[in-house]
Amino acid sequence: DVNLWPTLNALRAFLPQVRTAEHGRIVTVSTPFARGPLATGAAYSATKAAVEAMTLSVARELAGTSATANVILVRTIGDAKPHHTRPAEIVAALRWLCSAEGGAVNGQLIPVLGRGLPAGS
């Protein structure tokens, strides 16, 4: 109810406007655990995998337009540990992806995972 349905409804509502906008952008948020779920996180991982699949499908629909759709991958939000992703880092990634300069990036999974661990960890 928190990950899948709001994303699906937002894509349905806004995709026509994003498609025709001069620099339309869609950015969803997922986690590396969508492809490597934890033992107790099957439902969470499955809904995030569905969000990724929807976003990447939309990116294919947007190919050939000036609009883009991408996914940022975030593990833990905070700043207490080196592998946490700071909110400011997430905002910076979102701003760049939504900028004119980010227009060359479409259909990508972009890790924004803090400084301590590689993407597959």
PDB file of N, CA and C in Angstrom:
ATOM      1  N   ASP A   1       0.811  -1.213   0.000  1.00  0.00           N
ATOM      2  CA  ASP A   1       0.000   0.000   0.000  1.00  0.00           C
ATOM      3  C   ASP A   1       0.847   1.266   0.000  1.00  0.00           C
ATOM      4  N   VAL A   2       2.064   1.196   0.502  1.00  0.00           N
ATOM      5  CA  VAL A   2       2.892   2.399   0.607  1.00  0.00           C
ATOM      6  C   VAL A   2       3.781   2.595  -0.621  1.00  0.00           C
ATOM      7  N   ASN A   3       4.318   1.537  -1.187  1.00  0.00           N
ATOM      8  CA  ASN A   3       5.268   1.661  -2.288  1.00  0.00           C
ATOM      9  C   ASN A   3       4.624   1.537  -3.662  1.00  0.00           C
ATOM     10  N   LEU A   4       3.879   0.487  -3.866  1.00  0.00           N
ATOM     11  CA  LEU A   4       3.398   0.151  -5.209  1.00  0.00           C
ATOM     12  C   LEU A   4       2.240   1.023  -5.679  1.00  0.00           C
ATOM     13  N   TRP A   5       1.166   1.088  -4.936  1.00  0.00           N
ATOM     14  CA  TRP A   5      -0.045   1.762  -5.414  1.00  0.00           C
ATOM     15  C   TRP A   5       0.109   3.263  -5.581  1.00  0.00           C
ATOM     16  N   PRO A   6       0.742   3.963  -4.657  1.00  0.00           N
ATOM     17  CA  PRO A   6       0.929   5.403  -4.891  1.00  0.00           C
ATOM     18  C   PRO A   6       1.773   5.683  -6.140  1.00  0.00           C
ATOM     19  N   THR A   7       2.790   4.855  -6.378  1.00  0.00           N
ATOM     20  CA  THR A   7       3.620   5.041  -7.573  1.00  0.00           C
ATOM     21  C   THR A   7       2.811   4.787  -8.830  1.00  0.00           C
ATOM     22  N   LEU A   8       2.062   3.709  -8.848  1.00  0.00           N
ATOM     23  CA  LEU A   8       1.225   3.395 -10.006  1.00  0.00           C
ATOM     24  C   LEU A   8       0.215   4.505 -10.268  1.00  0.00           C
ATOM     25  N   ASN A   9      -0.444   4.970  -9.241  1.00  0.00           N
ATOM     26  CA  ASN A   9      -1.442   6.032  -9.408  1.00  0.00           C
ATOM     27  C   ASN A   9      -0.815   7.344  -9.867  1.00  0.00           C
ATOM     28  N   ALA A  10       0.351   7.683  -9.342  1.00  0.00           N
ATOM     29  CA  ALA A  10       1.032   8.908  -9.763  1.00  0.00           C
ATOM     30  C   ALA A  10       1.475   8.814 -11.221  1.00  0.00           C
ATOM     31  N   LEU A  11       2.001   7.669 -11.612  1.00  0.00           N
ATOM     32  CA  LEU A  11       2.397   7.499 -13.011  1.00  0.00           C
ATOM     33  C   LEU A  11       1.194   7.618 -13.941  1.00  0.00           C
ATOM     34  N   ARG A  12       0.105   6.992 -13.581  1.00  0.00           N
ATOM     35  CA  ARG A  12      -1.115   7.106 -14.395  1.00  0.00           C
ATOM     36  C   ARG A  12      -1.584   8.556 -14.501  1.00  0.00           C
ATOM     37  N   ALA A  13      -1.531   9.272 -13.404  1.00  0.00           N
ATOM     38  CA  ALA A  13      -2.050  10.644 -13.377  1.00  0.00           C
ATOM     39  C   ALA A  13      -1.153  11.613 -14.134  1.00  0.00           C
ATOM     40  N   PHE A  14       0.162  11.471 -14.008  1.00  0.00           N
ATOM     41  CA  PHE A  14       1.064  12.502 -14.505  1.00  0.00           C
ATOM     42  C   PHE A  14       1.819  12.149 -15.779  1.00  0.00           C
ATOM     43  N   LEU A  15       1.811  10.892 -16.206  1.00  0.00           N
ATOM     44  CA  LEU A  15       2.589  10.516 -17.382  1.00  0.00           C
ATOM     45  C   LEU A  15       2.218  11.318 -18.632  1.00  0.00           C
ATOM     46  N   PRO A  16       0.944  11.576 -18.901  1.00  0.00           N
ATOM     47  CA  PRO A  16       0.646  12.375 -20.108  1.00  0.00           C
ATOM     48  C   PRO A  16       1.294  13.765 -20.079  1.00  0.00           C
ATOM     49  N   GLN A  17       1.283  14.426 -18.934  1.00  0.00           N
ATOM     50  CA  GLN A  17       1.896  15.749 -18.832  1.00  0.00           C
ATOM     51  C   GLN A  17       3.424  15.664 -18.889  1.00  0.00           C
ATOM     52  N   VAL A  18       3.997  14.657 -18.265  1.00  0.00           N
ATOM     53  CA  VAL A  18       5.451  14.479 -18.287  1.00  0.00           C
ATOM     54  C   VAL A  18       5.909  14.234 -19.721  1.00  0.00           C
ATOM     55  N   ARG A  19       5.183  13.411 -20.443  1.00  0.00           N
ATOM     56  CA  ARG A  19       5.542  13.060 -21.812  1.00  0.00           C
ATOM     57  C   ARG A  19       5.597  14.297 -22.710  1.00  0.00           C
ATOM     58  N   THR A  20       4.688  15.235 -22.517  1.00  0.00           N
ATOM     59  CA  THR A  20       4.608  16.396 -23.398  1.00  0.00           C
ATOM     60  C   THR A  20       5.352  17.622 -22.867  1.00  0.00           C
ATOM     61  N   ALA A  21       5.845  17.565 -21.644  1.00  0.00           N
ATOM     62  CA  ALA A  21       6.584  18.699 -21.075  1.00  0.00           C
ATOM     63  C   ALA A  21       7.923  18.868 -21.785  1.00  0.00           C
ATOM     64  N   GLU A  22       8.429  20.080 -21.778  1.00  0.00           N
ATOM     65  CA  GLU A  22       9.718  20.341 -22.433  1.00  0.00           C
ATOM     66  C   GLU A  22      10.839  19.507 -21.808  1.00  0.00           C
ATOM     67  N   HIS A  23      10.848  19.399 -20.497  1.00  0.00           N
ATOM     68  CA  HIS A  23      11.847  18.585 -19.795  1.00  0.00           C
ATOM     69  C   HIS A  23      11.142  17.761 -18.717  1.00  0.00           C
ATOM     70  N   GLY A  24      10.222  16.904 -19.109  1.00  0.00           N
ATOM     71  CA  GLY A  24       9.481  16.099 -18.145  1.00  0.00           C
ATOM     72  C   GLY A  24      10.388  15.090 -17.461  1.00  0.00           C
ATOM     73  N   ARG A  25      10.190  14.921 -16.180  1.00  0.00           N
ATOM     74  CA  ARG A  25      11.029  13.994 -15.417  1.00  0.00           C
ATOM     75  C   ARG A  25      10.186  13.164 -14.452  1.00  0.00           C
ATOM     76  N   ILE A  26      10.534  11.900 -14.377  1.00  0.00           N
ATOM     77  CA  ILE A  26       9.995  10.992 -13.364  1.00  0.00           C
ATOM     78  C   ILE A  26      11.192  10.378 -12.656  1.00  0.00           C
ATOM     79  N   VAL A  27      11.187  10.443 -11.338  1.00  0.00           N
ATOM     80  CA  VAL A  27      12.229   9.787 -10.541  1.00  0.00           C
ATOM     81  C   VAL A  27      11.517   9.061  -9.407  1.00  0.00           C
ATOM     82  N   THR A  28      11.711   7.763  -9.342  1.00  0.00           N
ATOM     83  CA  THR A  28      11.153   6.989  -8.241  1.00  0.00           C
ATOM     84  C   THR A  28      12.300   6.550  -7.327  1.00  0.00           C
ATOM     85  N   VAL A  29      11.936   6.054  -6.159  1.00  0.00           N
ATOM     86  CA  VAL A  29      12.925   5.649  -5.168  1.00  0.00           C
ATOM     87  C   VAL A  29      12.771   4.161  -4.892  1.00  0.00           C
ATOM     88  N   SER A  30      13.896   3.459  -4.925  1.00  0.00           N
ATOM     89  CA  SER A  30      13.900   2.037  -4.614  1.00  0.00           C
ATOM     90  C   SER A  30      15.087   1.742  -3.707  1.00  0.00           C
ATOM     91  N   THR A  31      15.477   0.505  -3.668  1.00  0.00           N
ATOM     92  CA  THR A  31      16.527   0.038  -2.773  1.00  0.00           C
ATOM     93  C   THR A  31      17.286  -1.099  -3.440  1.00  0.00           C
ATOM     94  N   PRO A  32      18.559  -1.283  -3.105  1.00  0.00           N
ATOM     95  CA  PRO A  32      19.282  -2.443  -3.629  1.00  0.00           C
ATOM     96  C   PRO A  32      18.625  -3.764  -3.203  1.00  0.00           C
ATOM     97  N   PHE A  33      17.823  -3.728  -2.156  1.00  0.00           N
ATOM     98  CA  PHE A  33      17.169  -4.943  -1.672  1.00  0.00           C
ATOM     99  C   PHE A  33      16.042  -5.413  -2.592  1.00  0.00           C
ATOM    100  N   ALA A  34      15.685  -4.625  -3.597  1.00  0.00           N
ATOM    101  CA  ALA A  34      14.690  -5.075  -4.572  1.00  0.00           C
ATOM    102  C   ALA A  34      15.217  -6.270  -5.368  1.00  0.00           C
ATOM    103  N   ARG A  35      16.524  -6.337  -5.558  1.00  0.00           N
ATOM    104  CA  ARG A  35      17.129  -7.436  -6.303  1.00  0.00           C
ATOM    105  C   ARG A  35      17.830  -8.441  -5.409  1.00  0.00           C
ATOM    106  N   GLY A  36      18.047  -8.080  -4.168  1.00  0.00           N
ATOM    107  CA  GLY A  36      18.699  -8.977  -3.214  1.00  0.00           C
ATOM    108  C   GLY A  36      18.018  -8.859  -1.872  1.00  0.00           C
ATOM    109  N   PRO A  37      16.799  -9.398  -1.756  1.00  0.00           N
ATOM    110  CA  PRO A  37      16.008  -9.187  -0.538  1.00  0.00           C
ATOM    111  C   PRO A  37      16.640  -9.798   0.705  1.00  0.00           C
ATOM    112  N   LEU A  38      16.365  -9.144   1.820  1.00  0.00           N
ATOM    113  CA  LEU A  38      16.756  -9.689   3.116  1.00  0.00           C
ATOM    114  C   LEU A  38      15.809 -10.825   3.477  1.00  0.00           C
ATOM    115  N   ALA A  39      16.202 -11.627   4.426  1.00  0.00           N
ATOM    116  CA  ALA A  39      15.401 -12.796   4.801  1.00  0.00           C
ATOM    117  C   ALA A  39      13.993 -12.428   5.250  1.00  0.00           C
ATOM    118  N   THR A  40      13.831 -11.305   5.880  1.00  0.00           N
ATOM    119  CA  THR A  40      12.504 -10.937   6.402  1.00  0.00           C
ATOM    120  C   THR A  40      11.844  -9.812   5.604  1.00  0.00           C
ATOM    121  N   GLY A  41      12.370  -9.498   4.409  1.00  0.00           N
ATOM    122  CA  GLY A  41      11.860  -8.346   3.672  1.00  0.00           C
ATOM    123  C   GLY A  41      11.251  -8.665   2.325  1.00  0.00           C
ATOM    124  N   ALA A  42      10.644  -9.824   2.180  1.00  0.00           N
ATOM    125  CA  ALA A  42      10.133 -10.226   0.867  1.00  0.00           C
ATOM    126  C   ALA A  42       9.084  -9.259   0.316  1.00  0.00           C
ATOM    127  N   ALA A  43       8.119  -8.875   1.115  1.00  0.00           N
ATOM    128  CA  ALA A  43       7.055  -7.992   0.618  1.00  0.00           C
ATOM    129  C   ALA A  43       7.613  -6.624   0.246  1.00  0.00           C
ATOM    130  N   TYR A  44       8.464  -6.073   1.082  1.00  0.00           N
ATOM    131  CA  TYR A  44       9.092  -4.782   0.796  1.00  0.00           C
ATOM    132  C   TYR A  44       9.902  -4.862  -0.493  1.00  0.00           C
ATOM    133  N   SER A  45      10.731  -5.881  -0.610  1.00  0.00           N
ATOM    134  CA  SER A  45      11.567  -6.040  -1.798  1.00  0.00           C
ATOM    135  C   SER A  45      10.724  -6.216  -3.049  1.00  0.00           C
ATOM    136  N   ALA A  46       9.655  -6.982  -2.954  1.00  0.00           N
ATOM    137  CA  ALA A  46       8.785  -7.209  -4.114  1.00  0.00           C
ATOM    138  C   ALA A  46       8.111  -5.922  -4.568  1.00  0.00           C
ATOM    139  N   THR A  47       7.649  -5.102  -3.636  1.00  0.00           N
ATOM    140  CA  THR A  47       6.998  -3.855  -4.043  1.00  0.00           C
ATOM    141  C   THR A  47       8.000  -2.885  -4.640  1.00  0.00           C
ATOM    142  N   LYS A  48       9.208  -2.849  -4.111  1.00  0.00           N
ATOM    143  CA  LYS A  48      10.239  -1.979  -4.685  1.00  0.00           C
ATOM    144  C   LYS A  48      10.664  -2.485  -6.068  1.00  0.00           C
ATOM    145  N   ALA A  49      10.735  -3.792  -6.255  1.00  0.00           N
ATOM    146  CA  ALA A  49      11.039  -4.346  -7.579  1.00  0.00           C
ATOM    147  C   ALA A  49       9.942  -3.968  -8.581  1.00  0.00           C
ATOM    148  N   ALA A  50       8.707  -3.959  -8.137  1.00  0.00           N
ATOM    149  CA  ALA A  50       7.602  -3.548  -9.013  1.00  0.00           C
ATOM    150  C   ALA A  50       7.707  -2.072  -9.377  1.00  0.00           C
ATOM    151  N   VAL A  51       8.086  -1.235  -8.427  1.00  0.00           N
ATOM    152  CA  VAL A  51       8.293   0.194  -8.696  1.00  0.00           C
ATOM    153  C   VAL A  51       9.389   0.365  -9.747  1.00  0.00           C
ATOM    154  N   GLU A  52      10.471  -0.377  -9.595  1.00  0.00           N
ATOM    155  CA  GLU A  52      11.552  -0.301 -10.569  1.00  0.00           C
ATOM    156  C   GLU A  52      11.074  -0.726 -11.955  1.00  0.00           C
ATOM    157  N   ALA A  53      10.353  -1.837 -12.024  1.00  0.00           N
ATOM    158  CA  ALA A  53       9.869  -2.336 -13.313  1.00  0.00           C
ATOM    159  C   ALA A  53       8.941  -1.329 -13.985  1.00  0.00           C
ATOM    160  N   MET A  54       8.050  -0.717 -13.214  1.00  0.00           N
ATOM    161  CA  MET A  54       7.152   0.295 -13.792  1.00  0.00           C
ATOM    162  C   MET A  54       7.944   1.480 -14.314  1.00  0.00           C
ATOM    163  N   THR A  55       8.894   1.945 -13.537  1.00  0.00           N
ATOM    164  CA  THR A  55       9.673   3.115 -13.933  1.00  0.00           C
ATOM    165  C   THR A  55      10.495   2.832 -15.188  1.00  0.00           C
ATOM    166  N   LEU A  56      11.121   1.672 -15.248  1.00  0.00           N
ATOM    167  CA  LEU A  56      11.928   1.336 -16.413  1.00  0.00           C
ATOM    168  C   LEU A  56      11.059   1.118 -17.650  1.00  0.00           C
ATOM    169  N   SER A  57       9.860   0.617 -17.472  1.00  0.00           N
ATOM    170  CA  SER A  57       8.914   0.488 -18.582  1.00  0.00           C
ATOM    171  C   SER A  57       8.509   1.864 -19.100  1.00  0.00           C
ATOM    172  N   VAL A  58       8.216   2.779 -18.191  1.00  0.00           N
ATOM    173  CA  VAL A  58       7.880   4.153 -18.575  1.00  0.00           C
ATOM    174  C   VAL A  58       9.056   4.796 -19.295  1.00  0.00           C
ATOM    175  N   ALA A  59      10.279   4.537 -18.846  1.00  0.00           N
ATOM    176  CA  ALA A  59      11.461   5.093 -19.510  1.00  0.00           C
ATOM    177  C   ALA A  59      11.508   4.658 -20.970  1.00  0.00           C
ATOM    178  N   ARG A  60      11.170   3.414 -21.239  1.00  0.00           N
ATOM    179  CA  ARG A  60      11.123   2.941 -22.632  1.00  0.00           C
ATOM    180  C   ARG A  60      10.041   3.662 -23.421  1.00  0.00           C
ATOM    181  N   GLU A  61       8.898   3.905 -22.773  1.00  0.00           N
ATOM    182  CA  GLU A  61       7.834   4.663 -23.429  1.00  0.00           C
ATOM    183  C   GLU A  61       8.281   6.074 -23.763  1.00  0.00           C
ATOM    184  N   LEU A  62       9.130   6.655 -22.937  1.00  0.00           N
ATOM    185  CA  LEU A  62       9.568   8.031 -23.114  1.00  0.00           C
ATOM    186  C   LEU A  62      10.749   8.169 -24.074  1.00  0.00           C
ATOM    187  N   ALA A  63      11.333   7.053 -24.498  1.00  0.00           N
ATOM    188  CA  ALA A  63      12.458   7.106 -25.426  1.00  0.00           C
ATOM    189  C   ALA A  63      12.044   7.903 -26.659  1.00  0.00           C
ATOM    190  N   GLY A  64      12.934   8.779 -27.106  1.00  0.00           N
ATOM    191  CA  GLY A  64      12.643   9.603 -28.263  1.00  0.00           C
ATOM    192  C   GLY A  64      11.953  10.913 -27.930  1.00  0.00           C
ATOM    193  N   THR A  65      11.676  11.135 -26.650  1.00  0.00           N
ATOM    194  CA  THR A  65      11.107  12.408 -26.200  1.00  0.00           C
ATOM    195  C   THR A  65      12.161  13.114 -25.354  1.00  0.00           C
ATOM    196  N   SER A  66      11.841  14.296 -24.884  1.00  0.00           N
ATOM    197  CA  SER A  66      12.775  14.988 -23.985  1.00  0.00           C
ATOM    198  C   SER A  66      12.523  14.622 -22.523  1.00  0.00           C
ATOM    199  N   ALA A  67      11.552  13.756 -22.270  1.00  0.00           N
ATOM    200  CA  ALA A  67      11.224  13.326 -20.912  1.00  0.00           C
ATOM    201  C   ALA A  67      12.052  12.096 -20.532  1.00  0.00           C
ATOM    202  N   THR A  68      12.250  11.905 -19.229  1.00  0.00           N
ATOM    203  CA  THR A  68      13.011  10.770 -18.732  1.00  0.00           C
ATOM    204  C   THR A  68      12.332  10.149 -17.519  1.00  0.00           C
ATOM    205  N   ALA A  69      12.695   8.905 -17.241  1.00  0.00           N
ATOM    206  CA  ALA A  69      12.247   8.216 -16.028  1.00  0.00           C
ATOM    207  C   ALA A  69      13.425   7.404 -15.493  1.00  0.00           C
ATOM    208  N   ASN A  70      13.747   7.614 -14.247  1.00  0.00           N
ATOM    209  CA  ASN A  70      14.873   6.933 -13.614  1.00  0.00           C
ATOM    210  C   ASN A  70      14.507   6.537 -12.193  1.00  0.00           C
ATOM    211  N   VAL A  71      15.348   5.692 -11.612  1.00  0.00           N
ATOM    212  CA  VAL A  71      15.166   5.220 -10.239  1.00  0.00           C
ATOM    213  C   VAL A  71      16.427   5.530  -9.450  1.00  0.00           C
ATOM    214  N   ILE A  72      16.275   6.127  -8.281  1.00  0.00           N
ATOM    215  CA  ILE A  72      17.422   6.222  -7.387  1.00  0.00           C
ATOM    216  C   ILE A  72      17.293   5.107  -6.345  1.00  0.00           C
ATOM    217  N   LEU A  73      18.424   4.524  -6.022  1.00  0.00           N
ATOM    218  CA  LEU A  73      18.478   3.442  -5.037  1.00  0.00           C
ATOM    219  C   LEU A  73      19.052   3.990  -3.743  1.00  0.00           C
ATOM    220  N   VAL A  74      18.297   3.829  -2.673  1.00  0.00           N
ATOM    221  CA  VAL A  74      18.703   4.314  -1.352  1.00  0.00           C
ATOM    222  C   VAL A  74      18.594   3.156  -0.372  1.00  0.00           C
ATOM    223  N   ARG A  75      19.594   3.004   0.468  1.00  0.00           N
ATOM    224  CA  ARG A  75      19.562   1.922   1.451  1.00  0.00           C
ATOM    225  C   ARG A  75      19.009   2.425   2.779  1.00  0.00           C
ATOM    226  N   THR A  76      19.744   3.214   3.511  1.00  0.00           N
ATOM    227  CA  THR A  76      19.314   3.736   4.806  1.00  0.00           C
ATOM    228  C   THR A  76      19.519   5.248   4.798  1.00  0.00           C
ATOM    229  N   ILE A  77      18.476   5.980   5.145  1.00  0.00           N
ATOM    230  CA  ILE A  77      18.554   7.436   5.160  1.00  0.00           C
ATOM    231  C   ILE A  77      18.955   7.902   6.551  1.00  0.00           C
ATOM    232  N   GLY A  78      19.955   8.745   6.614  1.00  0.00           N
ATOM    233  CA  GLY A  78      20.417   9.294   7.884  1.00  0.00           C
ATOM    234  C   GLY A  78      21.847   9.751   7.751  1.00  0.00           C
ATOM    235  N   ASP A  79      22.458  10.079   8.862  1.00  0.00           N
ATOM    236  CA  ASP A  79      23.870  10.465   8.813  1.00  0.00           C
ATOM    237  C   ASP A  79      24.666   9.914   9.998  1.00  0.00           C
ATOM    238  N   ALA A  80      24.098   8.954  10.709  1.00  0.00           N
ATOM    239  CA  ALA A  80      24.758   8.408  11.892  1.00  0.00           C
ATOM    240  C   ALA A  80      25.939   7.503  11.536  1.00  0.00           C
ATOM    241  N   LYS A  81      25.881   6.849  10.379  1.00  0.00           N
ATOM    242  CA  LYS A  81      26.936   5.915   9.988  1.00  0.00           C
ATOM    243  C   LYS A  81      27.413   6.250   8.583  1.00  0.00           C
ATOM    244  N   PRO A  82      28.632   5.851   8.250  1.00  0.00           N
ATOM    245  CA  PRO A  82      29.157   6.180   6.920  1.00  0.00           C
ATOM    246  C   PRO A  82      28.326   5.625   5.766  1.00  0.00           C
ATOM    247  N   HIS A  83      27.679   4.473   5.953  1.00  0.00           N
ATOM    248  CA  HIS A  83      26.911   3.889   4.850  1.00  0.00           C
ATOM    249  C   HIS A  83      25.478   4.427   4.764  1.00  0.00           C
ATOM    250  N   HIS A  84      25.111   5.336   5.644  1.00  0.00           N
ATOM    251  CA  HIS A  84      23.809   5.987   5.532  1.00  0.00           C
ATOM    252  C   HIS A  84      23.865   7.022   4.412  1.00  0.00           C
ATOM    253  N   THR A  85      22.746   7.232   3.766  1.00  0.00           N
ATOM    254  CA  THR A  85      22.643   8.265   2.746  1.00  0.00           C
ATOM    255  C   THR A  85      22.011   9.491   3.385  1.00  0.00           C
ATOM    256  N   ARG A  86      22.710  10.589   3.316  1.00  0.00           N
ATOM    257  CA  ARG A  86      22.209  11.836   3.902  1.00  0.00           C
ATOM    258  C   ARG A  86      21.081  12.393   3.043  1.00  0.00           C
ATOM    259  N   PRO A  87      20.060  12.970   3.677  1.00  0.00           N
ATOM    260  CA  PRO A  87      18.970  13.567   2.897  1.00  0.00           C
ATOM    261  C   PRO A  87      19.468  14.551   1.846  1.00  0.00           C
ATOM    262  N   ALA A  88      20.484  15.334   2.160  1.00  0.00           N
ATOM    263  CA  ALA A  88      21.010  16.303   1.194  1.00  0.00           C
ATOM    264  C   ALA A  88      21.583  15.600  -0.042  1.00  0.00           C
ATOM    265  N   GLU A  89      22.131  14.405   0.135  1.00  0.00           N
ATOM    266  CA  GLU A  89      22.658  13.652  -1.009  1.00  0.00           C
ATOM    267  C   GLU A  89      21.523  13.175  -1.910  1.00  0.00           C
ATOM    268  N   ILE A  90      20.424  12.790  -1.304  1.00  0.00           N
ATOM    269  CA  ILE A  90      19.255  12.372  -2.084  1.00  0.00           C
ATOM    270  C   ILE A  90      18.696  13.564  -2.855  1.00  0.00           C
ATOM    271  N   VAL A  91      18.577  14.691  -2.183  1.00  0.00           N
ATOM    272  CA  VAL A  91      18.076  15.904  -2.832  1.00  0.00           C
ATOM    273  C   VAL A  91      18.981  16.292  -3.998  1.00  0.00           C
ATOM    274  N   ALA A  92      20.283  16.217  -3.824  1.00  0.00           N
ATOM    275  CA  ALA A  92      21.219  16.576  -4.893  1.00  0.00           C
ATOM    276  C   ALA A  92      21.033  15.666  -6.103  1.00  0.00           C
ATOM    277  N   ALA A  93      20.859  14.371  -5.870  1.00  0.00           N
ATOM    278  CA  ALA A  93      20.641  13.438  -6.975  1.00  0.00           C
ATOM    279  C   ALA A  93      19.327  13.744  -7.690  1.00  0.00           C
ATOM    280  N   LEU A  94      18.279  14.007  -6.915  1.00  0.00           N
ATOM    281  CA  LEU A  94      16.981  14.339  -7.510  1.00  0.00           C
ATOM    282  C   LEU A  94      17.060  15.624  -8.328  1.00  0.00           C
ATOM    283  N   ARG A  95      17.709  16.627  -7.777  1.00  0.00           N
ATOM    284  CA  ARG A  95      17.840  17.903  -8.504  1.00  0.00           C
ATOM    285  C   ARG A  95      18.575  17.707  -9.822  1.00  0.00           C
ATOM    286  N   TRP A  96      19.660  16.954  -9.785  1.00  0.00           N
ATOM    287  CA  TRP A  96      20.416  16.747 -11.012  1.00  0.00           C
ATOM    288  C   TRP A  96      19.595  15.979 -12.043  1.00  0.00           C
ATOM    289  N   LEU A  97      18.957  14.899 -11.611  1.00  0.00           N
ATOM    290  CA  LEU A  97      18.148  14.110 -12.552  1.00  0.00           C
ATOM    291  C   LEU A  97      17.013  14.932 -13.152  1.00  0.00           C
ATOM    292  N   CYS A  98      16.492  15.883 -12.390  1.00  0.00           N
ATOM    293  CA  CYS A  98      15.384  16.707 -12.872  1.00  0.00           C
ATOM    294  C   CYS A  98      15.850  17.937 -13.643  1.00  0.00           C
ATOM    295  N   SER A  99      17.146  18.143 -13.715  1.00  0.00           N
ATOM    296  CA  SER A  99      17.677  19.307 -14.422  1.00  0.00           C
ATOM    297  C   SER A  99      17.768  19.020 -15.922  1.00  0.00           C
ATOM    298  N   ALA A 100      18.038  20.068 -16.685  1.00  0.00           N
ATOM    299  CA  ALA A 100      18.269  19.905 -18.125  1.00  0.00           C
ATOM    300  C   ALA A 100      19.483  19.002 -18.359  1.00  0.00           C
ATOM    301  N   GLU A 101      20.516  19.123 -17.520  1.00  0.00           N
ATOM    302  CA  GLU A 101      21.718  18.305 -17.664  1.00  0.00           C
ATOM    303  C   GLU A 101      21.421  16.820 -17.448  1.00  0.00           C
ATOM    304  N   GLY A 102      20.439  16.519 -16.633  1.00  0.00           N
ATOM    305  CA  GLY A 102      20.061  15.126 -16.378  1.00  0.00           C
ATOM    306  C   GLY A 102      19.270  14.501 -17.510  1.00  0.00           C
ATOM    307  N   GLY A 103      18.951  15.273 -18.523  1.00  0.00           N
ATOM    308  CA  GLY A 103      18.125  14.781 -19.624  1.00  0.00           C
ATOM    309  C   GLY A 103      18.761  13.686 -20.464  1.00  0.00           C
ATOM    310  N   ALA A 104      20.064  13.504 -20.360  1.00  0.00           N
ATOM    311  CA  ALA A 104      20.734  12.446 -21.110  1.00  0.00           C
ATOM    312  C   ALA A 104      20.631  11.095 -20.410  1.00  0.00           C
ATOM    313  N   VAL A 105      20.064  11.075 -19.208  1.00  0.00           N
ATOM    314  CA  VAL A 105      19.966   9.843 -18.422  1.00  0.00           C
ATOM    315  C   VAL A 105      18.507   9.402 -18.410  1.00  0.00           C
ATOM    316  N   ASN A 106      18.242   8.224 -18.930  1.00  0.00           N
ATOM    317  CA  ASN A 106      16.872   7.689 -18.973  1.00  0.00           C
ATOM    318  C   ASN A 106      16.917   6.183 -18.775  1.00  0.00           C
ATOM    319  N   GLY A 107      16.025   5.676 -17.936  1.00  0.00           N
ATOM    320  CA  GLY A 107      15.914   4.238 -17.729  1.00  0.00           C
ATOM    321  C   GLY A 107      17.051   3.634 -16.924  1.00  0.00           C
ATOM    322  N   GLN A 108      17.550   4.387 -15.950  1.00  0.00           N
ATOM    323  CA  GLN A 108      18.694   3.918 -15.168  1.00  0.00           C
ATOM    324  C   GLN A 108      18.345   3.733 -13.697  1.00  0.00           C
ATOM    325  N   LEU A 109      19.044   2.794 -13.069  1.00  0.00           N
ATOM    326  CA  LEU A 109      19.013   2.601 -11.619  1.00  0.00           C
ATOM    327  C   LEU A 109      20.265   3.280 -11.085  1.00  0.00           C
ATOM    328  N   ILE A 110      20.095   4.324 -10.294  1.00  0.00           N
ATOM    329  CA  ILE A 110      21.217   5.143  -9.863  1.00  0.00           C
ATOM    330  C   ILE A 110      21.422   4.988  -8.353  1.00  0.00           C
ATOM    331  N   PRO A 111      22.520   4.359  -7.960  1.00  0.00           N
ATOM    332  CA  PRO A 111      22.765   4.175  -6.533  1.00  0.00           C
ATOM    333  C   PRO A 111      23.158   5.483  -5.844  1.00  0.00           C
ATOM    334  N   VAL A 112      22.464   5.804  -4.785  1.00  0.00           N
ATOM    335  CA  VAL A 112      22.773   6.938  -3.915  1.00  0.00           C
ATOM    336  C   VAL A 112      22.846   6.320  -2.517  1.00  0.00           C
ATOM    337  N   LEU A 113      23.997   5.689  -2.241  1.00  0.00           N
ATOM    338  CA  LEU A 113      24.075   4.748  -1.124  1.00  0.00           C
ATOM    339  C   LEU A 113      25.006   5.143   0.010  1.00  0.00           C
ATOM    340  N   GLY A 114      25.357   6.375   0.115  1.00  0.00           N
ATOM    341  CA  GLY A 114      26.273   6.736   1.183  1.00  0.00           C
ATOM    342  C   GLY A 114      27.691   6.430   0.789  1.00  0.00           C
ATOM    343  N   ARG A 115      28.597   6.508   1.731  1.00  0.00           N
ATOM    344  CA  ARG A 115      30.003   6.435   1.424  1.00  0.00           C
ATOM    345  C   ARG A 115      30.695   5.166   1.879  1.00  0.00           C
ATOM    346  N   GLY A 116      30.026   4.302   2.586  1.00  0.00           N
ATOM    347  CA  GLY A 116      30.743   3.197   3.223  1.00  0.00           C
ATOM    348  C   GLY A 116      30.709   1.858   2.528  1.00  0.00           C
ATOM    349  N   LEU A 117      29.652   1.555   1.793  1.00  0.00           N
ATOM    350  CA  LEU A 117      29.506   0.226   1.225  1.00  0.00           C
ATOM    351  C   LEU A 117      29.207   0.306  -0.270  1.00  0.00           C
ATOM    352  N   PRO A 118      29.706  -0.651  -1.063  1.00  0.00           N
ATOM    353  CA  PRO A 118      29.385  -0.667  -2.481  1.00  0.00           C
ATOM    354  C   PRO A 118      27.931  -1.048  -2.724  1.00  0.00           C
ATOM    355  N   ALA A 119      27.426  -0.827  -3.928  1.00  0.00           N
ATOM    356  CA  ALA A 119      26.019  -1.021  -4.267  1.00  0.00           C
ATOM    357  C   ALA A 119      25.490  -2.408  -3.954  1.00  0.00           C
ATOM    358  N   GLY A 120      26.275  -3.447  -4.129  1.00  0.00           N
ATOM    359  CA  GLY A 120      25.779  -4.797  -3.918  1.00  0.00           C
ATOM    360  C   GLY A 120      25.805  -5.275  -2.480  1.00  0.00           C
ATOM    361  N   SER A 121      26.231  -4.434  -1.566  1.00  0.00           N
ATOM    362  CA  SER A 121      26.378  -4.852  -0.159  1.00  0.00           C
ATOM    363  C   SER A 121      25.078  -4.779   0.591  1.00  0.00           C
TER     364      SER A 121
END
